[in-house]
Amino acid sequence: IIQVVRCFEDPNVIHVSGKVDPLSDIETIEIELMLADMQTLDGALP
């Protein structure tokens, strides 16, 4: 995985969360991927 995180300010480019915060971006992606992995494992275990 190559994760692109925004580290620039530009009022003309909308940020989905309303602010530039790369660590928050990283956390958002990581949480979603972990939740998805947990769903996969929960379904595979039975």
PDB file of all heavy atoms in Angstrom:
ATOM      1  N   ILE A   1       0.841  -1.197   0.000  1.00  0.00           N
ATOM      2  CA  ILE A   1       0.000   0.000   0.000  1.00  0.00           C
ATOM      3  C   ILE A   1       0.878   1.250   0.000  1.00  0.00           C
ATOM      4  O   ILE A   1       1.835   1.348   0.774  1.00  0.00           O
ATOM      5  CB  ILE A   1      -0.914   0.019   1.237  1.00  0.00           C
ATOM      6  CG1 ILE A   1      -1.908  -1.147   1.188  1.00  0.00           C
ATOM      7  CG2 ILE A   1      -1.662   1.348   1.354  1.00  0.00           C
ATOM      8  CD1 ILE A   1      -2.700  -1.324   2.474  1.00  0.00           C
ATOM      9  N   ILE A   2       0.557   2.178  -0.887  1.00  0.00           N
ATOM     10  CA  ILE A   2       1.178   3.498  -0.886  1.00  0.00           C
ATOM     11  C   ILE A   2       0.098   4.477  -0.448  1.00  0.00           C
ATOM     12  O   ILE A   2      -0.871   4.701  -1.177  1.00  0.00           O
ATOM     13  CB  ILE A   2       1.703   3.891  -2.279  1.00  0.00           C
ATOM     14  CG1 ILE A   2       2.764   2.894  -2.762  1.00  0.00           C
ATOM     15  CG2 ILE A   2       2.267   5.307  -2.266  1.00  0.00           C
ATOM     16  CD1 ILE A   2       3.199   3.116  -4.205  1.00  0.00           C
ATOM     17  N   GLN A   3       0.230   5.026   0.763  1.00  0.00           N
ATOM     18  CA  GLN A   3      -0.784   5.966   1.236  1.00  0.00           C
ATOM     19  C   GLN A   3      -0.307   7.400   1.030  1.00  0.00           C
ATOM     20  O   GLN A   3       0.737   7.801   1.536  1.00  0.00           O
ATOM     21  CB  GLN A   3      -1.128   5.760   2.708  1.00  0.00           C
ATOM     22  CG  GLN A   3      -2.243   6.711   3.142  1.00  0.00           C
ATOM     23  CD  GLN A   3      -2.728   6.510   4.564  1.00  0.00           C
ATOM     24  OE1 GLN A   3      -2.401   5.513   5.192  1.00  0.00           O
ATOM     25  NE2 GLN A   3      -3.512   7.444   5.059  1.00  0.00           N
ATOM     26  N   VAL A   4      -1.089   8.157   0.284  1.00  0.00           N
ATOM     27  CA  VAL A   4      -0.799   9.561   0.047  1.00  0.00           C
ATOM     28  C   VAL A   4      -1.486  10.380   1.131  1.00  0.00           C
ATOM     29  O   VAL A   4      -2.687  10.232   1.362  1.00  0.00           O
ATOM     30  CB  VAL A   4      -1.296  10.007  -1.345  1.00  0.00           C
ATOM     31  CG1 VAL A   4      -0.949  11.480  -1.590  1.00  0.00           C
ATOM     32  CG2 VAL A   4      -0.699   9.127  -2.433  1.00  0.00           C
ATOM     33  N   VAL A   5      -0.711  11.223   1.807  1.00  0.00           N
ATOM     34  CA  VAL A   5      -1.281  12.108   2.816  1.00  0.00           C
ATOM     35  C   VAL A   5      -1.009  13.553   2.416  1.00  0.00           C
ATOM     36  O   VAL A   5       0.080  13.881   1.963  1.00  0.00           O
ATOM     37  CB  VAL A   5      -0.719  11.819   4.228  1.00  0.00           C
ATOM     38  CG1 VAL A   5      -1.211  10.474   4.721  1.00  0.00           C
ATOM     39  CG2 VAL A   5       0.794  11.866   4.257  1.00  0.00           C
ATOM     40  N   ARG A   6      -2.007  14.373   2.562  1.00  0.00           N
ATOM     41  CA  ARG A   6      -1.897  15.770   2.147  1.00  0.00           C
ATOM     42  C   ARG A   6      -1.134  16.584   3.183  1.00  0.00           C
ATOM     43  O   ARG A   6      -1.503  16.631   4.354  1.00  0.00           O
ATOM     44  CB  ARG A   6      -3.291  16.348   1.943  1.00  0.00           C
ATOM     45  CG  ARG A   6      -3.297  17.803   1.505  1.00  0.00           C
ATOM     46  CD  ARG A   6      -4.691  18.228   1.126  1.00  0.00           C
ATOM     47  NE  ARG A   6      -4.818  19.674   1.075  1.00  0.00           N
ATOM     48  CZ  ARG A   6      -5.934  20.318   0.735  1.00  0.00           C
ATOM     49  NH1 ARG A   6      -7.014  19.617   0.422  1.00  0.00           N
ATOM     50  NH2 ARG A   6      -5.964  21.633   0.715  1.00  0.00           N
ATOM     51  N   CYS A   7      -0.056  17.240   2.735  1.00  0.00           N
ATOM     52  CA  CYS A   7       0.775  18.059   3.606  1.00  0.00           C
ATOM     53  C   CYS A   7       0.913  19.471   3.041  1.00  0.00           C
ATOM     54  O   CYS A   7       1.950  20.112   3.173  1.00  0.00           O
ATOM     55  CB  CYS A   7       2.152  17.427   3.788  1.00  0.00           C
ATOM     56  SG  CYS A   7       2.126  15.830   4.646  1.00  0.00           S
ATOM     57  N   PHE A   8      -0.112  19.943   2.373  1.00  0.00           N
ATOM     58  CA  PHE A   8      -0.098  21.297   1.813  1.00  0.00           C
ATOM     59  C   PHE A   8      -1.452  21.952   2.053  1.00  0.00           C
ATOM     60  O   PHE A   8      -2.474  21.280   2.168  1.00  0.00           O
ATOM     61  CB  PHE A   8       0.209  21.281   0.315  1.00  0.00           C
ATOM     62  CG  PHE A   8      -0.866  20.633  -0.521  1.00  0.00           C
ATOM     63  CD1 PHE A   8      -1.920  21.369  -1.051  1.00  0.00           C
ATOM     64  CD2 PHE A   8      -0.836  19.266  -0.776  1.00  0.00           C
ATOM     65  CE1 PHE A   8      -2.926  20.775  -1.813  1.00  0.00           C
ATOM     66  CE2 PHE A   8      -1.831  18.660  -1.544  1.00  0.00           C
ATOM     67  CZ  PHE A   8      -2.882  19.411  -2.054  1.00  0.00           C
ATOM     68  N   GLU A   9      -1.426  23.269   2.123  1.00  0.00           N
ATOM     69  CA  GLU A   9      -2.650  24.053   2.267  1.00  0.00           C
ATOM     70  C   GLU A   9      -3.034  24.630   0.905  1.00  0.00           C
ATOM     71  O   GLU A   9      -2.173  25.116   0.168  1.00  0.00           O
ATOM     72  CB  GLU A   9      -2.443  25.204   3.259  1.00  0.00           C
ATOM     73  CG  GLU A   9      -2.138  24.769   4.684  1.00  0.00           C
ATOM     74  CD  GLU A   9      -3.380  24.340   5.448  1.00  0.00           C
ATOM     75  OE1 GLU A   9      -4.499  24.456   4.879  1.00  0.00           O
ATOM     76  OE2 GLU A   9      -3.238  23.902   6.607  1.00  0.00           O
ATOM     77  N   ASP A  10      -4.310  24.549   0.570  1.00  0.00           N
ATOM     78  CA  ASP A  10      -4.807  25.143  -0.664  1.00  0.00           C
ATOM     79  C   ASP A  10      -6.321  25.310  -0.523  1.00  0.00           C
ATOM     80  O   ASP A  10      -7.069  24.333  -0.565  1.00  0.00           O
ATOM     81  CB  ASP A  10      -4.490  24.260  -1.877  1.00  0.00           C
ATOM     82  CG  ASP A  10      -4.851  24.925  -3.198  1.00  0.00           C
ATOM     83  OD1 ASP A  10      -5.657  25.884  -3.187  1.00  0.00           O
ATOM     84  OD2 ASP A  10      -4.337  24.494  -4.248  1.00  0.00           O
ATOM     85  N   PRO A  11      -6.778  26.559  -0.360  1.00  0.00           N
ATOM     86  CA  PRO A  11      -8.215  26.793  -0.167  1.00  0.00           C
ATOM     87  C   PRO A  11      -9.055  26.396  -1.374  1.00  0.00           C
ATOM     88  O   PRO A  11     -10.273  26.224  -1.256  1.00  0.00           O
ATOM     89  CB  PRO A  11      -8.293  28.308   0.085  1.00  0.00           C
ATOM     90  CG  PRO A  11      -7.046  28.860  -0.534  1.00  0.00           C
ATOM     91  CD  PRO A  11      -5.997  27.810  -0.347  1.00  0.00           C
ATOM     92  N   ASN A  12      -8.396  26.207  -2.527  1.00  0.00           N
ATOM     93  CA  ASN A  12      -9.130  25.840  -3.742  1.00  0.00           C
ATOM     94  C   ASN A  12      -9.336  24.337  -3.884  1.00  0.00           C
ATOM     95  O   ASN A  12     -10.028  23.887  -4.793  1.00  0.00           O
ATOM     96  CB  ASN A  12      -8.397  26.374  -4.980  1.00  0.00           C
ATOM     97  CG  ASN A  12      -8.338  27.883  -4.995  1.00  0.00           C
ATOM     98  OD1 ASN A  12      -9.335  28.552  -4.716  1.00  0.00           O
ATOM     99  ND2 ASN A  12      -7.165  28.430  -5.317  1.00  0.00           N
ATOM    100  N   VAL A  13      -8.671  23.563  -3.017  1.00  0.00           N
ATOM    101  CA  VAL A  13      -8.803  22.102  -3.071  1.00  0.00           C
ATOM    102  C   VAL A  13      -9.485  21.650  -1.785  1.00  0.00           C
ATOM    103  O   VAL A  13      -8.932  21.782  -0.692  1.00  0.00           O
ATOM    104  CB  VAL A  13      -7.436  21.407  -3.223  1.00  0.00           C
ATOM    105  CG1 VAL A  13      -7.619  19.888  -3.257  1.00  0.00           C
ATOM    106  CG2 VAL A  13      -6.727  21.893  -4.478  1.00  0.00           C
ATOM    107  N   ILE A  14     -10.670  21.129  -1.917  1.00  0.00           N
ATOM    108  CA  ILE A  14     -11.481  20.739  -0.768  1.00  0.00           C
ATOM    109  C   ILE A  14     -10.848  19.553  -0.045  1.00  0.00           C
ATOM    110  O   ILE A  14     -10.451  18.572  -0.667  1.00  0.00           O
ATOM    111  CB  ILE A  14     -12.901  20.335  -1.226  1.00  0.00           C
ATOM    112  CG1 ILE A  14     -13.552  21.478  -2.003  1.00  0.00           C
ATOM    113  CG2 ILE A  14     -13.760  19.934  -0.038  1.00  0.00           C
ATOM    114  CD1 ILE A  14     -14.761  21.032  -2.815  1.00  0.00           C
ATOM    115  N   HIS A  15     -10.740  19.653   1.276  1.00  0.00           N
ATOM    116  CA  HIS A  15     -10.326  18.500   2.076  1.00  0.00           C
ATOM    117  C   HIS A  15     -11.585  17.892   2.678  1.00  0.00           C
ATOM    118  O   HIS A  15     -12.410  18.593   3.259  1.00  0.00           O
ATOM    119  CB  HIS A  15      -9.352  18.902   3.181  1.00  0.00           C
ATOM    120  CG  HIS A  15      -8.698  17.731   3.850  1.00  0.00           C
ATOM    121  ND1 HIS A  15      -9.357  16.895   4.724  1.00  0.00           N
ATOM    122  CD2 HIS A  15      -7.442  17.228   3.748  1.00  0.00           C
ATOM    123  CE1 HIS A  15      -8.533  15.949   5.134  1.00  0.00           C
ATOM    124  NE2 HIS A  15      -7.362  16.124   4.566  1.00  0.00           N
ATOM    125  N   VAL A  16     -11.724  16.594   2.554  1.00  0.00           N
ATOM    126  CA  VAL A  16     -12.962  15.921   2.937  1.00  0.00           C
ATOM    127  C   VAL A  16     -13.318  16.124   4.413  1.00  0.00           C
ATOM    128  O   VAL A  16     -14.487  16.143   4.783  1.00  0.00           O
ATOM    129  CB  VAL A  16     -12.892  14.417   2.582  1.00  0.00           C
ATOM    130  CG1 VAL A  16     -11.913  13.684   3.484  1.00  0.00           C
ATOM    131  CG2 VAL A  16     -14.259  13.776   2.641  1.00  0.00           C
ATOM    132  N   SER A  17     -12.300  16.299   5.263  1.00  0.00           N
ATOM    133  CA  SER A  17     -12.580  16.497   6.689  1.00  0.00           C
ATOM    134  C   SER A  17     -12.522  17.966   7.096  1.00  0.00           C
ATOM    135  O   SER A  17     -12.668  18.297   8.275  1.00  0.00           O
ATOM    136  CB  SER A  17     -11.584  15.696   7.542  1.00  0.00           C
ATOM    137  OG  SER A  17     -10.270  16.158   7.335  1.00  0.00           O
ATOM    138  N   GLY A  18     -12.284  18.844   6.129  1.00  0.00           N
ATOM    139  CA  GLY A  18     -12.320  20.277   6.406  1.00  0.00           C
ATOM    140  C   GLY A  18     -11.023  20.868   6.914  1.00  0.00           C
ATOM    141  O   GLY A  18     -10.934  22.078   7.123  1.00  0.00           O
ATOM    142  N   LYS A  19      -9.993  20.047   7.139  1.00  0.00           N
ATOM    143  CA  LYS A  19      -8.710  20.572   7.600  1.00  0.00           C
ATOM    144  C   LYS A  19      -7.586  19.646   7.145  1.00  0.00           C
ATOM    145  O   LYS A  19      -7.805  18.462   6.873  1.00  0.00           O
ATOM    146  CB  LYS A  19      -8.691  20.691   9.120  1.00  0.00           C
ATOM    147  CG  LYS A  19      -8.856  19.362   9.842  1.00  0.00           C
ATOM    148  CD  LYS A  19      -8.773  19.514  11.354  1.00  0.00           C
ATOM    149  CE  LYS A  19      -8.947  18.161  12.051  1.00  0.00           C
ATOM    150  NZ  LYS A  19      -8.809  18.272  13.523  1.00  0.00           N
ATOM    151  N   VAL A  20      -6.380  20.218   7.060  1.00  0.00           N
ATOM    152  CA  VAL A  20      -5.216  19.433   6.667  1.00  0.00           C
ATOM    153  C   VAL A  20      -4.565  18.861   7.920  1.00  0.00           C
ATOM    154  O   VAL A  20      -4.015  19.600   8.746  1.00  0.00           O
ATOM    155  CB  VAL A  20      -4.206  20.296   5.878  1.00  0.00           C
ATOM    156  CG1 VAL A  20      -2.946  19.491   5.571  1.00  0.00           C
ATOM    157  CG2 VAL A  20      -4.841  20.804   4.590  1.00  0.00           C
ATOM    158  N   ASP A  21      -4.661  17.555   8.094  1.00  0.00           N
ATOM    159  CA  ASP A  21      -4.112  16.869   9.264  1.00  0.00           C
ATOM    160  C   ASP A  21      -3.708  15.463   8.831  1.00  0.00           C
ATOM    161  O   ASP A  21      -4.493  14.515   8.911  1.00  0.00           O
ATOM    162  CB  ASP A  21      -5.158  16.809  10.381  1.00  0.00           C
ATOM    163  CG  ASP A  21      -4.599  16.205  11.671  1.00  0.00           C
ATOM    164  OD1 ASP A  21      -3.501  15.619  11.634  1.00  0.00           O
ATOM    165  OD2 ASP A  21      -5.273  16.314  12.715  1.00  0.00           O
ATOM    166  N   PRO A  22      -2.467  15.300   8.337  1.00  0.00           N
ATOM    167  CA  PRO A  22      -2.055  14.005   7.785  1.00  0.00           C
ATOM    168  C   PRO A  22      -2.114  12.844   8.769  1.00  0.00           C
ATOM    169  O   PRO A  22      -2.419  11.721   8.389  1.00  0.00           O
ATOM    170  CB  PRO A  22      -0.622  14.254   7.297  1.00  0.00           C
ATOM    171  CG  PRO A  22      -0.173  15.476   8.024  1.00  0.00           C
ATOM    172  CD  PRO A  22      -1.389  16.301   8.231  1.00  0.00           C
ATOM    173  N   LEU A  23      -1.839  13.098  10.050  1.00  0.00           N
ATOM    174  CA  LEU A  23      -1.901  12.011  11.028  1.00  0.00           C
ATOM    175  C   LEU A  23      -3.330  11.530  11.232  1.00  0.00           C
ATOM    176  O   LEU A  23      -3.582  10.331  11.393  1.00  0.00           O
ATOM    177  CB  LEU A  23      -1.290  12.446  12.355  1.00  0.00           C
ATOM    178  CG  LEU A  23       0.215  12.751  12.344  1.00  0.00           C
ATOM    179  CD1 LEU A  23       0.724  12.994  13.753  1.00  0.00           C
ATOM    180  CD2 LEU A  23       1.003  11.634  11.679  1.00  0.00           C
ATOM    181  N   SER A  24      -4.271  12.473  11.189  1.00  0.00           N
ATOM    182  CA  SER A  24      -5.676  12.090  11.273  1.00  0.00           C
ATOM    183  C   SER A  24      -6.080  11.297  10.030  1.00  0.00           C
ATOM    184  O   SER A  24      -6.832  10.317  10.124  1.00  0.00           O
ATOM    185  CB  SER A  24      -6.556  13.344  11.400  1.00  0.00           C
ATOM    186  OG  SER A  24      -7.925  12.998  11.380  1.00  0.00           O
ATOM    187  N   ASP A  25      -5.554  11.703   8.872  1.00  0.00           N
ATOM    188  CA  ASP A  25      -5.831  10.976   7.626  1.00  0.00           C
ATOM    189  C   ASP A  25      -5.318   9.538   7.718  1.00  0.00           C
ATOM    190  O   ASP A  25      -6.010   8.587   7.335  1.00  0.00           O
ATOM    191  CB  ASP A  25      -5.160  11.668   6.435  1.00  0.00           C
ATOM    192  CG  ASP A  25      -5.742  13.045   6.149  1.00  0.00           C
ATOM    193  OD1 ASP A  25      -6.701  13.442   6.833  1.00  0.00           O
ATOM    194  OD2 ASP A  25      -5.225  13.716   5.239  1.00  0.00           O
ATOM    195  N   ILE A  26      -4.090   9.399   8.224  1.00  0.00           N
ATOM    196  CA  ILE A  26      -3.491   8.070   8.365  1.00  0.00           C
ATOM    197  C   ILE A  26      -4.332   7.209   9.306  1.00  0.00           C
ATOM    198  O   ILE A  26      -4.607   6.039   9.021  1.00  0.00           O
ATOM    199  CB  ILE A  26      -2.036   8.187   8.897  1.00  0.00           C
ATOM    200  CG1 ILE A  26      -1.125   8.767   7.807  1.00  0.00           C
ATOM    201  CG2 ILE A  26      -1.510   6.824   9.353  1.00  0.00           C
ATOM    202  CD1 ILE A  26       0.268   9.118   8.300  1.00  0.00           C
ATOM    203  N   GLU A  27      -4.745   7.806  10.414  1.00  0.00           N
ATOM    204  CA  GLU A  27      -5.547   7.074  11.396  1.00  0.00           C
ATOM    205  C   GLU A  27      -6.884   6.636  10.806  1.00  0.00           C
ATOM    206  O   GLU A  27      -7.325   5.501  11.026  1.00  0.00           O
ATOM    207  CB  GLU A  27      -5.791   7.947  12.633  1.00  0.00           C
ATOM    208  CG  GLU A  27      -6.571   7.229  13.728  1.00  0.00           C
ATOM    209  CD  GLU A  27      -6.839   8.117  14.931  1.00  0.00           C
ATOM    210  OE1 GLU A  27      -6.986   9.335  14.755  1.00  0.00           O
ATOM    211  OE2 GLU A  27      -6.903   7.582  16.043  1.00  0.00           O
ATOM    212  N   THR A  28      -7.521   7.518  10.030  1.00  0.00           N
ATOM    213  CA  THR A  28      -8.813   7.184   9.417  1.00  0.00           C
ATOM    214  C   THR A  28      -8.690   5.973   8.504  1.00  0.00           C
ATOM    215  O   THR A  28      -9.486   5.025   8.584  1.00  0.00           O
ATOM    216  CB  THR A  28      -9.358   8.380   8.614  1.00  0.00           C
ATOM    217  OG1 THR A  28      -9.609   9.470   9.515  1.00  0.00           O
ATOM    218  CG2 THR A  28     -10.651   8.014   7.895  1.00  0.00           C
ATOM    219  N   ILE A  29      -7.685   5.997   7.640  1.00  0.00           N
ATOM    220  CA  ILE A  29      -7.481   4.875   6.714  1.00  0.00           C
ATOM    221  C   ILE A  29      -7.156   3.601   7.485  1.00  0.00           C
ATOM    222  O   ILE A  29      -7.717   2.529   7.212  1.00  0.00           O
ATOM    223  CB  ILE A  29      -6.353   5.190   5.713  1.00  0.00           C
ATOM    224  CG1 ILE A  29      -6.697   6.408   4.855  1.00  0.00           C
ATOM    225  CG2 ILE A  29      -6.063   3.970   4.833  1.00  0.00           C
ATOM    226  CD1 ILE A  29      -7.824   6.206   3.892  1.00  0.00           C
ATOM    227  N   GLU A  30      -6.255   3.708   8.458  1.00  0.00           N
ATOM    228  CA  GLU A  30      -5.833   2.520   9.211  1.00  0.00           C
ATOM    229  C   GLU A  30      -7.016   1.888   9.940  1.00  0.00           C
ATOM    230  O   GLU A  30      -7.175   0.659   9.942  1.00  0.00           O
ATOM    231  CB  GLU A  30      -4.749   2.905  10.210  1.00  0.00           C
ATOM    232  CG  GLU A  30      -3.947   1.728  10.741  1.00  0.00           C
ATOM    233  CD  GLU A  30      -2.859   1.270   9.785  1.00  0.00           C
ATOM    234  OE1 GLU A  30      -3.195   0.643   8.752  1.00  0.00           O
ATOM    235  OE2 GLU A  30      -1.686   1.520  10.074  1.00  0.00           O
ATOM    236  N   ILE A  31      -7.843   2.722  10.569  1.00  0.00           N
ATOM    237  CA  ILE A  31      -9.006   2.192  11.291  1.00  0.00           C
ATOM    238  C   ILE A  31      -9.946   1.462  10.339  1.00  0.00           C
ATOM    239  O   ILE A  31     -10.434   0.362  10.643  1.00  0.00           O
ATOM    240  CB  ILE A  31      -9.749   3.325  12.026  1.00  0.00           C
ATOM    241  CG1 ILE A  31      -8.930   3.798  13.232  1.00  0.00           C
ATOM    242  CG2 ILE A  31     -11.135   2.856  12.494  1.00  0.00           C
ATOM    243  CD1 ILE A  31      -9.490   5.034  13.910  1.00  0.00           C
ATOM    244  N   GLU A  32     -10.207   2.049   9.187  1.00  0.00           N
ATOM    245  CA  GLU A  32     -11.123   1.417   8.233  1.00  0.00           C
ATOM    246  C   GLU A  32     -10.568   0.088   7.735  1.00  0.00           C
ATOM    247  O   GLU A  32     -11.315  -0.886   7.583  1.00  0.00           O
ATOM    248  CB  GLU A  32     -11.411   2.358   7.061  1.00  0.00           C
ATOM    249  CG  GLU A  32     -12.181   3.606   7.434  1.00  0.00           C
ATOM    250  CD  GLU A  32     -13.487   3.298   8.150  1.00  0.00           C
ATOM    251  OE1 GLU A  32     -14.158   2.317   7.780  1.00  0.00           O
ATOM    252  OE2 GLU A  32     -13.837   4.040   9.090  1.00  0.00           O
ATOM    253  N   LEU A  33      -9.273   0.038   7.502  1.00  0.00           N
ATOM    254  CA  LEU A  33      -8.667  -1.213   7.034  1.00  0.00           C
ATOM    255  C   LEU A  33      -8.678  -2.272   8.138  1.00  0.00           C
ATOM    256  O   LEU A  33      -8.920  -3.455   7.870  1.00  0.00           O
ATOM    257  CB  LEU A  33      -7.240  -0.966   6.543  1.00  0.00           C
ATOM    258  CG  LEU A  33      -7.070  -0.013   5.353  1.00  0.00           C
ATOM    259  CD1 LEU A  33      -5.620  -0.023   4.864  1.00  0.00           C
ATOM    260  CD2 LEU A  33      -8.008  -0.366   4.204  1.00  0.00           C
ATOM    261  N   MET A  34      -8.440  -1.856   9.378  1.00  0.00           N
ATOM    262  CA  MET A  34      -8.484  -2.814  10.484  1.00  0.00           C
ATOM    263  C   MET A  34      -9.900  -3.347  10.695  1.00  0.00           C
ATOM    264  O   MET A  34     -10.088  -4.551  10.925  1.00  0.00           O
ATOM    265  CB  MET A  34      -7.951  -2.169  11.766  1.00  0.00           C
ATOM    266  CG  MET A  34      -6.446  -2.004  11.789  1.00  0.00           C
ATOM    267  SD  MET A  34      -5.757  -1.590  13.431  1.00  0.00           S
ATOM    268  CE  MET A  34      -6.325   0.080  13.615  1.00  0.00           C
ATOM    269  N   LEU A  35     -10.900  -2.459  10.603  1.00  0.00           N
ATOM    270  CA  LEU A  35     -12.285  -2.903  10.752  1.00  0.00           C
ATOM    271  C   LEU A  35     -12.662  -3.886   9.642  1.00  0.00           C
ATOM    272  O   LEU A  35     -13.343  -4.890   9.881  1.00  0.00           O
ATOM    273  CB  LEU A  35     -13.226  -1.698  10.731  1.00  0.00           C
ATOM    274  CG  LEU A  35     -13.193  -0.798  11.974  1.00  0.00           C
ATOM    275  CD1 LEU A  35     -14.018   0.463  11.730  1.00  0.00           C
ATOM    276  CD2 LEU A  35     -13.719  -1.543  13.199  1.00  0.00           C
ATOM    277  N   ALA A  36     -12.213  -3.588   8.434  1.00  0.00           N
ATOM    278  CA  ALA A  36     -12.510  -4.484   7.313  1.00  0.00           C
ATOM    279  C   ALA A  36     -11.827  -5.834   7.491  1.00  0.00           C
ATOM    280  O   ALA A  36     -12.404  -6.887   7.192  1.00  0.00           O
ATOM    281  CB  ALA A  36     -12.072  -3.829   6.001  1.00  0.00           C
ATOM    282  N   ASP A  37     -10.573  -5.818   7.974  1.00  0.00           N
ATOM    283  CA  ASP A  37      -9.868  -7.078   8.230  1.00  0.00           C
ATOM    284  C   ASP A  37     -10.588  -7.885   9.319  1.00  0.00           C
ATOM    285  O   ASP A  37     -10.699  -9.113   9.224  1.00  0.00           O
ATOM    286  CB  ASP A  37      -8.425  -6.805   8.659  1.00  0.00           C
ATOM    287  CG  ASP A  37      -7.496  -6.542   7.486  1.00  0.00           C
ATOM    288  OD1 ASP A  37      -7.929  -6.757   6.337  1.00  0.00           O
ATOM    289  OD2 ASP A  37      -6.349  -6.122   7.721  1.00  0.00           O
ATOM    290  N   MET A  38     -11.071  -7.201  10.339  1.00  0.00           N
ATOM    291  CA  MET A  38     -11.791  -7.899  11.411  1.00  0.00           C
ATOM    292  C   MET A  38     -13.063  -8.549  10.872  1.00  0.00           C
ATOM    293  O   MET A  38     -13.389  -9.691  11.226  1.00  0.00           O
ATOM    294  CB  MET A  38     -12.132  -6.923  12.541  1.00  0.00           C
ATOM    295  CG  MET A  38     -12.755  -7.593  13.764  1.00  0.00           C
ATOM    296  SD  MET A  38     -11.676  -8.813  14.568  1.00  0.00           S
ATOM    297  CE  MET A  38     -10.694  -7.723  15.614  1.00  0.00           C
ATOM    298  N   GLN A  39     -13.755  -7.847   9.983  1.00  0.00           N
ATOM    299  CA  GLN A  39     -14.950  -8.423   9.361  1.00  0.00           C
ATOM    300  C   GLN A  39     -14.598  -9.673   8.562  1.00  0.00           C
ATOM    301  O   GLN A  39     -15.310 -10.687   8.618  1.00  0.00           O
ATOM    302  CB  GLN A  39     -15.608  -7.395   8.452  1.00  0.00           C
ATOM    303  CG  GLN A  39     -16.293  -6.247   9.181  1.00  0.00           C
ATOM    304  CD  GLN A  39     -16.876  -5.221   8.218  1.00  0.00           C
ATOM    305  OE1 GLN A  39     -16.859  -5.424   7.006  1.00  0.00           O
ATOM    306  NE2 GLN A  39     -17.378  -4.125   8.752  1.00  0.00           N
ATOM    307  N   THR A  40     -13.513  -9.602   7.827  1.00  0.00           N
ATOM    308  CA  THR A  40     -13.069 -10.750   7.038  1.00  0.00           C
ATOM    309  C   THR A  40     -12.779 -11.946   7.938  1.00  0.00           C
ATOM    310  O   THR A  40     -13.213 -13.079   7.664  1.00  0.00           O
ATOM    311  CB  THR A  40     -11.806 -10.394   6.235  1.00  0.00           C
ATOM    312  OG1 THR A  40     -12.110  -9.342   5.314  1.00  0.00           O
ATOM    313  CG2 THR A  40     -11.275 -11.594   5.459  1.00  0.00           C
ATOM    314  N   LEU A  41     -12.068 -11.708   9.018  1.00  0.00           N
ATOM    315  CA  LEU A  41     -11.693 -12.785   9.935  1.00  0.00           C
ATOM    316  C   LEU A  41     -12.898 -13.335  10.680  1.00  0.00           C
ATOM    317  O   LEU A  41     -13.020 -14.557  10.867  1.00  0.00           O
ATOM    318  CB  LEU A  41     -10.639 -12.283  10.929  1.00  0.00           C
ATOM    319  CG  LEU A  41      -9.283 -11.910  10.317  1.00  0.00           C
ATOM    320  CD1 LEU A  41      -8.428 -11.165  11.330  1.00  0.00           C
ATOM    321  CD2 LEU A  41      -8.563 -13.151   9.807  1.00  0.00           C
ATOM    322  N   ASP A  42     -13.793 -12.437  11.092  1.00  0.00           N
ATOM    323  CA  ASP A  42     -15.008 -12.882  11.784  1.00  0.00           C
ATOM    324  C   ASP A  42     -15.850 -13.788  10.889  1.00  0.00           C
ATOM    325  O   ASP A  42     -16.469 -14.754  11.360  1.00  0.00           O
ATOM    326  CB  ASP A  42     -15.842 -11.676  12.221  1.00  0.00           C
ATOM    327  CG  ASP A  42     -15.217 -10.918  13.391  1.00  0.00           C
ATOM    328  OD1 ASP A  42     -14.280 -11.460  14.002  1.00  0.00           O
ATOM    329  OD2 ASP A  42     -15.663  -9.787  13.671  1.00  0.00           O
ATOM    330  N   GLY A  43     -15.875 -13.480   9.599  1.00  0.00           N
ATOM    331  CA  GLY A  43     -16.637 -14.302   8.667  1.00  0.00           C
ATOM    332  C   GLY A  43     -15.950 -15.617   8.343  1.00  0.00           C
ATOM    333  O   GLY A  43     -16.607 -16.635   8.082  1.00  0.00           O
ATOM    334  N   ALA A  44     -14.608 -15.611   8.388  1.00  0.00           N
ATOM    335  CA  ALA A  44     -13.847 -16.809   8.013  1.00  0.00           C
ATOM    336  C   ALA A  44     -13.759 -17.821   9.148  1.00  0.00           C
ATOM    337  O   ALA A  44     -13.639 -19.031   8.894  1.00  0.00           O
ATOM    338  CB  ALA A  44     -12.439 -16.408   7.575  1.00  0.00           C
ATOM    339  N   LEU A  45     -13.803 -17.360  10.390  1.00  0.00           N
ATOM    340  CA  LEU A  45     -13.586 -18.258  11.522  1.00  0.00           C
ATOM    341  C   LEU A  45     -14.608 -19.395  11.612  1.00  0.00           C
ATOM    342  O   LEU A  45     -14.203 -20.560  11.753  1.00  0.00           O
ATOM    343  CB  LEU A  45     -13.561 -17.462  12.833  1.00  0.00           C
ATOM    344  CG  LEU A  45     -13.289 -18.275  14.094  1.00  0.00           C
ATOM    345  CD1 LEU A  45     -11.955 -19.003  14.006  1.00  0.00           C
ATOM    346  CD2 LEU A  45     -13.311 -17.372  15.330  1.00  0.00           C
ATOM    347  N   PRO A  46     -15.915 -19.136  11.528  1.00  0.00           N
ATOM    348  CA  PRO A  46     -16.872 -20.249  11.629  1.00  0.00           C
ATOM    349  C   PRO A  46     -16.656 -21.312  10.548  1.00  0.00           C
ATOM    350  O   PRO A  46     -16.757 -22.517  10.829  1.00  0.00           O
ATOM    351  CB  PRO A  46     -18.236 -19.565  11.473  1.00  0.00           C
ATOM    352  CG  PRO A  46     -18.005 -18.148  11.887  1.00  0.00           C
ATOM    353  CD  PRO A  46     -16.626 -17.836  11.418  1.00  0.00           C
TER     354      PRO A  46
END
